[in-house]
Amino acid sequence: MYYESGAKYFWISFITALIVSSVMSFIFIVFVSPYITQKKIKVEVPNVKGMKENQASLVLKNKGFLLLVSQKKEDPNYEEGIILDQEPLPGFSVEKGSLVKVTINEKSTAEVSDEVIPDVRGQQLMLAKDSIEKYGYIVGKIEFEESDIYAKDQVINTDPAHGTKSIKGTIVNIIVSTGIQEITVPNLRRKSISSAKNLLEKSRLKLGNIRYTTNIEFPFDIIVSQKPPSGTKVKSGSSVDIVVNREGTY
């Protein structure tokens, strides 16, 4: 009788303990565990820009971060191996153990070949473009300038200049002549010196020599003659000489 009573008490205690343990485990998993896992430590990201990779890796490691080189590019303003950029940016607070992605300065290893930019001066534009592309270069911008050496539509020069050693695929800009544009000399008679100078500059001409005369038949301080005369065709930048009437000195 005593044995049966003890066994019954044991099983009641065991089942009660099992139920209580199950309930406590459920409460812990549902209510306590999420709070613990969500509460992660955040740390301010240090500034590693301008550092070498090894130094930056040590600084980040001491703060609990990992360094990842995500990109390499060339910047001639900085020494090779220097960190140019980082993500997250310095000062941001992120979870400890996060990756900090960096961009490393890596100079190009491409070697300059023995090929040189061809000399296309004096060639027509289309022929020059064909010559440049035949050598494996890429034609870039086409610019136009006046020239008294090369006729209209002839190539004046290239950028880079002919003879420059460059790797294939280099962009070559072409400068093409517009020839010499002839300009009609404006009429400067009966104008003041300052007015004549402004008019010439607008016409892309220059004021040349100034001589003086005295003629009471004309107003003073005005231009009475010019050389070349108005209506003459001249090159851009040419000079125009003038004679100014002024009151005589006695």
Foldseek 3Di string as FASTA:
>chain_A
DVVVVVVVVVVVVVVVVVVVVVVVVVCCVPPPVVVVVVDFDKFFDADQAFHAPVVNQVVLVVRQEGEDAPEEEADVVHDFRGWHDWPPHGGDIDGRHYYIYTYTHHDDPDDFDPDWQAAQFQHAPVVSCVVRVVSQEAEDAEAEDADQPHAFRGWHAKVVGTPHGGDHHHYIYTYTHRYWDWFFQAAQFFHAPVVNQVVQVVRQEHEDAEAEDADPVDDFRGWHAKPPHGGDIDTRHYYMYTYGHHDDDD
